[in-house]
Amino acid sequence: MSNEEQRTPGEDPDRDEVPAAGSEANASDPASQGNPDREETPGDSPSGQPRPEDLTVDDILGAEQSADAAAAEDGEGAAPEEDPYLEDLRRLTAEYANYRKRTEANAALEKQRAVAAAVTPLLTVLDDLDRAEKHGDLEEGSAFATIAQKIRTTLERFGLESFGEAGEVFDPQLHEAIAQVPVPGTEQHTVLDVIERGYRIGEVELRPAKVAVAVEADG
């Protein structure tokens, strides 16, 4: 039998054999070589898991929780990493607080020094008032005593403080020893008499107290 006789009736003898549509493409396409029995459902991702946009609230709430997430909720597991920006903010805040404290302290100190510079020349007037009081020239009720009290009160309002009293333990940081007087029974150096009071304004010392010091008498 000839080739013409082997053709199926109705078949075009001039038409070449053409492979089925998509056969070669399906063979070369990895996505098409998956499970042939699984039906593609709209909304499914290639991995078989539902897409996030297709999940409902019930799906999210009913999902199984991972071990890491459960440990984080129970306070277990590794602690979260510290935010570097938060740490920088804390450091800068602490530095600014310290800077502000130093600035305020320096401003207060400079103010005290300015007042001290204005008050220092008046210390000799206070010395004269103290001497006049020791000699009895400042009798209570006299005009001179009233003026002396006003001067002292005004300077105290500027923060002027006096120090140096008889009977105090001698302190070289506060007292300047003008004389040493041997006194029997003296166990430690003490202030026997105040020649001139010491003065300060806040942390600024205007001058030390000039004193006579009682010392232990020899044999």
Protein backbone atom coordinates (compact mmCIF):
# COMPACT_ATOMS: atom_id res chain seq x y z
CA MET A 1 0.00 0.00 0.00
CA SER A 2 1.31 3.40 -0.90
CA ASN A 3 1.77 6.39 1.38
CA GLU A 4 -1.20 8.10 -0.09
CA GLU A 5 -3.34 5.15 0.79
CA GLN A 6 -2.13 5.15 4.47
CA ARG A 7 -3.40 8.69 5.12
CA THR A 8 -6.62 9.13 6.88
CA PRO A 9 -9.44 10.20 4.72
CA GLY A 10 -9.91 13.96 4.90
CA GLU A 11 -6.34 14.59 5.92
CA ASP A 12 -4.47 17.20 3.97
CA PRO A 13 -1.58 15.48 2.28
CA ASP A 14 0.46 18.70 2.14
CA ARG A 15 0.19 19.53 5.89
CA ASP A 16 3.23 18.68 7.98
CA GLU A 17 2.93 17.21 11.41
CA VAL A 18 2.69 20.02 14.05
CA PRO A 19 3.26 19.20 17.73
CA ALA A 20 0.44 19.83 20.14
CA ALA A 21 0.15 23.41 21.25
CA GLY A 22 2.08 24.06 24.46
CA SER A 23 3.74 20.65 24.62
CA GLU A 24 7.29 21.95 24.21
CA ALA A 25 6.58 25.05 26.32
CA ASN A 26 5.17 22.93 29.09
CA ALA A 27 8.18 20.69 29.01
CA SER A 28 10.59 23.62 29.34
CA ASP A 29 8.55 25.54 31.94
CA PRO A 30 9.56 24.50 35.51
CA ALA A 31 6.34 25.92 36.90
CA SER A 32 4.36 23.50 34.85
CA GLN A 33 6.22 20.44 36.19
CA GLY A 34 4.70 20.56 39.62
CA ASN A 35 2.02 18.33 41.00
CA PRO A 36 -0.26 17.62 38.06
CA ASP A 37 -3.10 16.65 40.37
CA ARG A 38 -3.13 19.97 42.35
CA GLU A 39 -5.65 22.41 41.10
CA GLU A 40 -4.67 26.05 41.09
CA THR A 41 -6.97 28.01 43.36
CA PRO A 42 -7.35 31.76 42.90
CA GLY A 43 -5.49 33.57 45.67
CA ASP A 44 -2.94 30.80 46.27
CA SER A 45 0.73 31.71 46.18
CA PRO A 46 3.18 29.60 44.19
CA SER A 47 4.32 27.94 47.45
CA GLY A 48 0.81 26.75 48.21
CA GLN A 49 0.32 29.18 51.11
CA PRO A 50 -2.47 31.79 51.13
CA ARG A 51 -1.38 35.24 50.14
CA PRO A 52 -1.24 37.84 52.99
CA GLU A 53 -3.75 40.09 51.27
CA ASP A 54 -6.26 37.22 51.16
CA LEU A 55 -6.07 36.45 54.91
CA THR A 56 -8.92 37.41 57.19
CA VAL A 57 -8.77 38.50 60.83
CA ASP A 58 -9.91 35.05 61.95
CA ASP A 59 -7.16 33.44 59.89
CA ILE A 60 -4.51 35.62 61.53
CA LEU A 61 -5.82 35.10 65.07
CA GLY A 62 -6.14 31.35 64.56
CA ALA A 63 -2.69 30.89 63.05
CA GLU A 64 -0.17 28.85 64.99
CA GLN A 65 2.35 30.93 66.85
CA SER A 66 6.03 30.30 66.24
CA ALA A 67 8.32 29.28 69.09
CA ASP A 68 10.32 32.53 68.87
CA ALA A 69 7.20 34.68 69.05
CA ALA A 70 5.84 32.71 72.02
CA ALA A 71 9.16 33.03 73.86
CA ALA A 72 9.20 36.79 73.23
CA GLU A 73 5.72 37.18 74.70
CA ASP A 74 6.67 35.10 77.76
CA GLY A 75 9.76 37.23 78.35
CA GLU A 76 12.08 34.43 77.31
CA GLY A 77 14.58 34.21 74.56
CA ALA A 78 17.07 36.80 73.39
CA ALA A 79 16.42 40.39 74.39
CA PRO A 80 15.67 42.79 71.56
CA GLU A 81 18.61 44.78 70.33
CA GLU A 82 18.98 48.27 71.77
CA ASP A 83 18.10 51.02 69.36
CA PRO A 84 21.37 52.90 68.64
CA TYR A 85 19.46 56.12 68.01
CA LEU A 86 17.76 55.84 71.40
CA GLU A 87 21.12 55.30 73.08
CA ASP A 88 22.54 58.38 71.34
CA LEU A 89 19.53 60.40 72.49
CA ARG A 90 20.07 59.34 76.09
CA ARG A 91 23.76 60.22 75.92
CA LEU A 92 23.08 63.63 74.40
CA THR A 93 20.38 64.33 77.00
CA ALA A 94 22.78 63.50 79.85
CA GLU A 95 25.53 65.64 78.32
CA TYR A 96 23.15 68.57 77.92
CA ALA A 97 21.95 68.24 81.53
CA ASN A 98 25.55 68.28 82.79
CA TYR A 99 26.40 71.22 80.54
CA ARG A 100 23.41 73.18 81.84
CA LYS A 101 24.38 72.49 85.46
CA ARG A 102 27.96 73.63 84.84
CA THR A 103 26.75 76.74 83.03
CA GLU A 104 24.37 77.68 85.86
CA ALA A 105 27.06 77.04 88.49
CA ASN A 106 29.61 79.14 86.58
CA ALA A 107 27.08 81.95 86.15
CA ALA A 108 26.34 81.96 89.89
CA LEU A 109 30.07 81.96 90.70
CA GLU A 110 30.76 84.86 88.33
CA LYS A 111 27.95 86.83 89.95
CA GLN A 112 29.47 86.23 93.39
CA ARG A 113 32.87 87.36 92.16
CA ALA A 114 31.39 90.55 90.71
CA VAL A 115 29.68 91.38 94.02
CA ALA A 116 32.86 90.53 95.92
CA ALA A 117 34.88 92.95 93.79
CA ALA A 118 32.44 95.75 94.65
CA VAL A 119 32.22 94.93 98.37
CA THR A 120 35.92 94.30 99.13
CA PRO A 121 36.87 98.02 99.41
CA LEU A 122 34.24 98.43 102.15
CA LEU A 123 35.82 95.80 104.42
CA THR A 124 38.10 98.42 105.98
CA VAL A 125 34.98 100.38 106.98
CA LEU A 126 33.65 97.28 108.73
CA ASP A 127 37.00 96.88 110.51
CA ASP A 128 36.71 100.43 111.83
CA LEU A 129 33.18 99.73 113.04
CA ASP A 130 34.38 96.62 114.90
CA ARG A 131 37.17 98.57 116.62
CA ALA A 132 34.79 101.36 117.57
CA GLU A 133 32.41 98.78 119.05
CA LYS A 134 35.21 97.21 121.13
CA HIS A 135 36.10 100.62 122.52
CA GLY A 136 32.48 101.35 123.40
CA ASP A 137 31.99 104.07 120.81
CA LEU A 138 28.87 102.41 119.38
CA GLU A 139 26.46 102.88 122.24
CA GLU A 140 23.03 101.46 121.60
CA GLY A 141 20.57 104.12 120.48
CA SER A 142 23.22 106.55 119.26
CA ALA A 143 23.16 107.93 115.72
CA PHE A 144 26.57 106.43 114.98
CA ALA A 145 25.39 102.96 116.08
CA THR A 146 22.32 103.25 113.84
CA ILE A 147 24.45 104.12 110.81
CA ALA A 148 26.83 101.24 111.54
CA GLN A 149 23.90 98.81 111.72
CA LYS A 150 22.51 100.03 108.39
CA ILE A 151 25.89 99.54 106.69
CA ARG A 152 26.22 95.99 107.99
CA THR A 153 22.64 95.08 107.06
CA THR A 154 23.05 96.43 103.53
CA LEU A 155 26.20 94.40 102.91
CA GLU A 156 24.58 91.26 104.31
CA ARG A 157 21.83 91.63 101.71
CA PHE A 158 24.52 91.27 99.05
CA GLY A 159 25.45 87.92 100.61
CA LEU A 160 28.41 89.08 102.72
CA GLU A 161 29.20 86.69 105.58
CA SER A 162 31.77 87.11 108.34
CA PHE A 163 33.68 84.29 110.05
CA GLY A 164 36.27 83.98 112.76
CA GLU A 165 35.30 83.75 116.42
CA ALA A 166 37.35 83.32 119.58
CA GLY A 167 37.43 79.72 120.78
CA GLU A 168 37.33 78.14 117.32
CA VAL A 169 39.83 75.47 116.36
CA PHE A 170 42.53 77.05 114.22
CA ASP A 171 42.03 76.22 110.53
CA PRO A 172 44.76 77.43 108.14
CA GLN A 173 42.19 77.41 105.34
CA LEU A 174 40.10 80.05 107.15
CA HIS A 175 42.45 81.76 109.59
CA GLU A 176 45.66 83.69 109.22
CA ALA A 177 47.78 83.47 112.37
CA ILE A 178 49.10 86.93 113.26
CA ALA A 179 50.47 85.89 116.65
CA GLN A 180 50.94 82.75 118.72
CA VAL A 181 50.30 82.96 122.47
CA PRO A 182 51.50 80.11 124.74
CA VAL A 183 48.65 79.05 127.01
CA PRO A 184 49.08 76.30 129.63
CA GLY A 185 46.76 73.33 129.16
CA THR A 186 46.21 73.97 125.46
CA GLU A 187 45.93 70.63 123.66
CA GLN A 188 45.28 71.98 120.17
CA HIS A 189 45.67 75.31 118.50
CA THR A 190 42.62 77.48 118.98
CA VAL A 191 41.65 81.05 118.15
CA LEU A 192 42.47 83.20 121.18
CA ASP A 193 41.51 86.58 119.72
CA VAL A 194 40.22 87.89 116.37
CA ILE A 195 42.20 90.84 115.04
CA GLU A 196 40.18 91.21 111.83
CA ARG A 197 37.15 89.21 110.80
CA GLY A 198 37.23 87.09 107.67
CA TYR A 199 34.62 87.63 104.96
CA ARG A 200 33.18 85.65 102.07
CA ILE A 201 30.31 85.82 99.59
CA GLY A 202 29.01 82.39 98.75
CA GLU A 203 31.99 80.33 97.61
CA VAL A 204 34.21 83.38 97.07
CA GLU A 205 36.48 84.21 100.00
CA LEU A 206 37.28 87.89 100.25
CA ARG A 207 39.93 87.46 102.92
CA PRO A 208 40.82 85.08 105.79
CA ALA A 209 40.30 85.98 109.43
CA LYS A 210 43.40 87.42 111.10
CA VAL A 211 43.70 85.86 114.54
CA ALA A 212 45.93 85.28 117.54
CA VAL A 213 46.39 81.55 118.16
CA ALA A 214 46.68 79.87 121.57
CA VAL A 215 49.40 77.20 121.55
CA GLU A 216 50.66 74.78 124.15
CA ALA A 217 53.09 76.30 126.65
CA ASP A 218 56.54 74.71 126.97
CA GLY A 219 57.28 72.81 130.24
